[in-house]
Amino acid sequence: MKELLEYLAKSLVDHPDAVNVTVVEGEKSVILQLRVAPDDVGKVIGKNGRIAQAMRVLIKAAAVKEGRSAIVEIID
């Protein structure tokens, strides 16, 4: 899941080196914290949050395959 989120974020931003994903493991859930360059936050969120929502849907689908739940947080 971490690799998928990194791939998605790096393909969207202008500064792919600044993309950082931190994983916080729980018993049955995972929190993925996505950090990008301040200039790229808008690109990751998208208009009305559509890109961020699409990324969350993909990550949740990958988590279900592993029998877990996932939360994506975008942090500036």
N, C-alpha and C. Protein backbone atom coordinates (compact mmCIF):
# COMPACT_ATOMS: atom_id res chain seq x y z
N MET A 1 0.82 -1.19 0.00
CA MET A 1 0.00 0.00 0.00
C MET A 1 0.86 1.25 0.00
N LYS A 2 1.93 1.22 0.77
CA LYS A 2 2.82 2.37 0.82
C LYS A 2 3.41 2.66 -0.56
N GLU A 3 3.84 1.60 -1.25
CA GLU A 3 4.44 1.78 -2.56
C GLU A 3 3.43 2.32 -3.56
N LEU A 4 2.18 1.85 -3.46
CA LEU A 4 1.13 2.33 -4.35
C LEU A 4 0.87 3.81 -4.13
N LEU A 5 0.78 4.23 -2.89
CA LEU A 5 0.53 5.64 -2.59
C LEU A 5 1.71 6.51 -3.05
N GLU A 6 2.94 6.03 -2.83
CA GLU A 6 4.11 6.78 -3.29
C GLU A 6 4.09 6.93 -4.81
N TYR A 7 3.77 5.84 -5.50
CA TYR A 7 3.73 5.88 -6.97
C TYR A 7 2.69 6.88 -7.46
N LEU A 8 1.49 6.83 -6.88
CA LEU A 8 0.44 7.75 -7.29
C LEU A 8 0.83 9.20 -7.03
N ALA A 9 1.36 9.47 -5.86
CA ALA A 9 1.73 10.84 -5.51
C ALA A 9 2.87 11.36 -6.38
N LYS A 10 3.89 10.53 -6.60
CA LYS A 10 5.03 10.97 -7.40
C LYS A 10 4.65 11.24 -8.84
N SER A 11 3.65 10.54 -9.35
CA SER A 11 3.23 10.78 -10.73
C SER A 11 2.41 12.06 -10.87
N LEU A 12 1.92 12.61 -9.76
CA LEU A 12 1.11 13.82 -9.80
C LEU A 12 1.88 15.11 -9.57
N VAL A 13 2.95 15.06 -8.81
CA VAL A 13 3.61 16.27 -8.32
C VAL A 13 4.76 16.71 -9.21
N ASP A 14 5.20 17.97 -9.00
CA ASP A 14 6.36 18.51 -9.71
C ASP A 14 7.67 18.14 -9.03
N HIS A 15 7.62 17.89 -7.73
CA HIS A 15 8.82 17.56 -6.94
C HIS A 15 8.68 16.15 -6.37
N PRO A 16 8.90 15.12 -7.18
CA PRO A 16 8.69 13.75 -6.68
C PRO A 16 9.68 13.35 -5.58
N ASP A 17 10.82 14.03 -5.48
CA ASP A 17 11.78 13.70 -4.43
C ASP A 17 11.27 14.10 -3.05
N ALA A 18 10.33 15.03 -3.00
CA ALA A 18 9.80 15.51 -1.72
C ALA A 18 8.66 14.65 -1.19
N VAL A 19 8.23 13.66 -1.95
CA VAL A 19 7.13 12.78 -1.51
C VAL A 19 7.64 11.83 -0.43
N ASN A 20 6.91 11.78 0.67
CA ASN A 20 7.28 10.92 1.78
C ASN A 20 6.01 10.29 2.36
N VAL A 21 6.01 8.98 2.50
CA VAL A 21 4.86 8.28 3.07
C VAL A 21 5.30 7.60 4.36
N THR A 22 4.61 7.91 5.45
CA THR A 22 4.88 7.30 6.75
C THR A 22 3.72 6.36 7.07
N VAL A 23 4.05 5.16 7.52
CA VAL A 23 3.04 4.15 7.83
C VAL A 23 2.93 4.00 9.34
N VAL A 24 1.72 4.13 9.84
CA VAL A 24 1.44 3.89 11.26
C VAL A 24 0.56 2.64 11.31
N GLU A 25 1.13 1.56 11.82
CA GLU A 25 0.45 0.26 11.84
C GLU A 25 -0.43 0.14 13.08
N GLY A 26 -1.62 -0.37 12.85
CA GLY A 26 -2.52 -0.73 13.94
C GLY A 26 -2.77 -2.22 13.89
N GLU A 27 -3.65 -2.70 14.73
CA GLU A 27 -3.93 -4.14 14.74
C GLU A 27 -4.65 -4.58 13.47
N LYS A 28 -5.70 -3.83 13.10
CA LYS A 28 -6.43 -4.17 11.89
C LYS A 28 -6.50 -3.01 10.91
N SER A 29 -5.83 -1.93 11.20
CA SER A 29 -5.88 -0.78 10.31
C SER A 29 -4.48 -0.20 10.12
N VAL A 30 -4.36 0.58 9.06
CA VAL A 30 -3.10 1.22 8.71
C VAL A 30 -3.40 2.69 8.41
N ILE A 31 -2.58 3.58 8.94
CA ILE A 31 -2.69 4.99 8.60
C ILE A 31 -1.48 5.34 7.76
N LEU A 32 -1.74 5.86 6.57
CA LEU A 32 -0.67 6.29 5.67
C LEU A 32 -0.65 7.81 5.65
N GLN A 33 0.45 8.38 6.10
CA GLN A 33 0.58 9.84 6.14
C GLN A 33 1.41 10.27 4.95
N LEU A 34 0.81 11.05 4.06
CA LEU A 34 1.46 11.50 2.84
C LEU A 34 1.94 12.93 3.00
N ARG A 35 3.23 13.13 2.81
CA ARG A 35 3.81 14.47 2.85
C ARG A 35 4.37 14.80 1.47
N VAL A 36 4.04 16.01 0.98
CA VAL A 36 4.56 16.47 -0.30
C VAL A 36 5.08 17.89 -0.12
N ALA A 37 5.74 18.41 -1.14
CA ALA A 37 6.24 19.79 -1.09
C ALA A 37 5.04 20.74 -0.99
N PRO A 38 5.22 21.87 -0.31
CA PRO A 38 4.09 22.81 -0.16
C PRO A 38 3.48 23.25 -1.49
N ASP A 39 4.29 23.34 -2.54
CA ASP A 39 3.77 23.74 -3.85
C ASP A 39 2.87 22.67 -4.45
N ASP A 40 3.04 21.42 -4.05
CA ASP A 40 2.34 20.30 -4.67
C ASP A 40 1.09 19.85 -3.92
N VAL A 41 0.78 20.45 -2.81
CA VAL A 41 -0.37 20.00 -2.01
C VAL A 41 -1.66 20.11 -2.81
N GLY A 42 -1.82 21.20 -3.54
CA GLY A 42 -3.02 21.39 -4.35
C GLY A 42 -3.17 20.35 -5.44
N LYS A 43 -2.06 19.92 -6.00
CA LYS A 43 -2.09 18.90 -7.06
C LYS A 43 -2.51 17.55 -6.50
N VAL A 44 -2.10 17.25 -5.28
CA VAL A 44 -2.45 15.98 -4.67
C VAL A 44 -3.91 15.97 -4.22
N ILE A 45 -4.40 17.11 -3.77
CA ILE A 45 -5.79 17.18 -3.31
C ILE A 45 -6.74 17.28 -4.50
N GLY A 46 -6.42 18.11 -5.48
CA GLY A 46 -7.27 18.26 -6.66
C GLY A 46 -8.46 19.15 -6.40
N LYS A 47 -9.20 19.42 -7.47
CA LYS A 47 -10.39 20.27 -7.34
C LYS A 47 -11.45 19.54 -6.52
N ASN A 48 -11.93 20.23 -5.51
CA ASN A 48 -12.95 19.68 -4.59
C ASN A 48 -12.51 18.36 -3.95
N GLY A 49 -11.20 18.10 -3.89
CA GLY A 49 -10.70 16.91 -3.24
C GLY A 49 -10.88 15.63 -4.04
N ARG A 50 -11.12 15.75 -5.33
CA ARG A 50 -11.41 14.56 -6.13
C ARG A 50 -10.20 13.64 -6.28
N ILE A 51 -9.02 14.19 -6.48
CA ILE A 51 -7.83 13.35 -6.63
C ILE A 51 -7.52 12.65 -5.31
N ALA A 52 -7.61 13.39 -4.21
CA ALA A 52 -7.36 12.79 -2.90
C ALA A 52 -8.36 11.67 -2.62
N GLN A 53 -9.61 11.89 -2.96
CA GLN A 53 -10.64 10.87 -2.74
C GLN A 53 -10.37 9.64 -3.60
N ALA A 54 -9.94 9.85 -4.84
CA ALA A 54 -9.63 8.72 -5.72
C ALA A 54 -8.46 7.91 -5.18
N MET A 55 -7.44 8.59 -4.66
CA MET A 55 -6.30 7.88 -4.07
C MET A 55 -6.75 7.09 -2.85
N ARG A 56 -7.62 7.66 -2.04
CA ARG A 56 -8.12 6.95 -0.86
C ARG A 56 -8.89 5.69 -1.25
N VAL A 57 -9.68 5.78 -2.31
CA VAL A 57 -10.45 4.62 -2.77
C VAL A 57 -9.49 3.51 -3.21
N LEU A 58 -8.45 3.85 -3.95
CA LEU A 58 -7.50 2.85 -4.41
C LEU A 58 -6.76 2.19 -3.24
N ILE A 59 -6.36 2.99 -2.28
CA ILE A 59 -5.64 2.46 -1.12
C ILE A 59 -6.56 1.58 -0.28
N LYS A 60 -7.81 1.99 -0.11
CA LYS A 60 -8.75 1.16 0.65
C LYS A 60 -8.99 -0.17 -0.05
N ALA A 61 -9.06 -0.15 -1.38
CA ALA A 61 -9.24 -1.40 -2.13
C ALA A 61 -8.04 -2.32 -1.94
N ALA A 62 -6.84 -1.76 -1.95
CA ALA A 62 -5.64 -2.57 -1.73
C ALA A 62 -5.62 -3.11 -0.30
N ALA A 63 -6.10 -2.33 0.66
CA ALA A 63 -6.13 -2.77 2.05
C ALA A 63 -7.12 -3.91 2.26
N VAL A 64 -8.25 -3.84 1.58
CA VAL A 64 -9.26 -4.90 1.71
C VAL A 64 -8.70 -6.23 1.23
N LYS A 65 -7.87 -6.20 0.19
CA LYS A 65 -7.25 -7.43 -0.29
C LYS A 65 -6.39 -8.08 0.79
N GLU A 66 -5.84 -7.25 1.68
CA GLU A 66 -5.00 -7.75 2.77
C GLU A 66 -5.82 -7.98 4.05
N GLY A 67 -7.11 -7.74 4.00
CA GLY A 67 -7.96 -7.94 5.17
C GLY A 67 -7.80 -6.86 6.23
N ARG A 68 -7.46 -5.66 5.81
CA ARG A 68 -7.25 -4.55 6.74
C ARG A 68 -8.06 -3.34 6.26
N SER A 69 -8.03 -2.29 7.05
CA SER A 69 -8.60 -1.03 6.61
C SER A 69 -7.48 0.00 6.57
N ALA A 70 -7.63 1.00 5.72
CA ALA A 70 -6.56 1.99 5.56
C ALA A 70 -7.15 3.40 5.55
N ILE A 71 -6.37 4.31 6.10
CA ILE A 71 -6.71 5.73 6.12
C ILE A 71 -5.54 6.48 5.51
N VAL A 72 -5.84 7.41 4.59
CA VAL A 72 -4.79 8.24 3.98
C VAL A 72 -4.95 9.64 4.52
N GLU A 73 -3.87 10.17 5.10
CA GLU A 73 -3.85 11.55 5.60
C GLU A 73 -2.84 12.32 4.76
N ILE A 74 -3.26 13.49 4.28
CA ILE A 74 -2.35 14.36 3.53
C ILE A 74 -1.89 15.44 4.49
N ILE A 75 -0.58 15.50 4.71
CA ILE A 75 0.00 16.43 5.67
C ILE A 75 0.89 17.40 4.92
N ASP A 76 0.75 18.71 5.23
CA ASP A 76 1.61 19.68 4.56
C ASP A 76 2.98 19.68 5.17
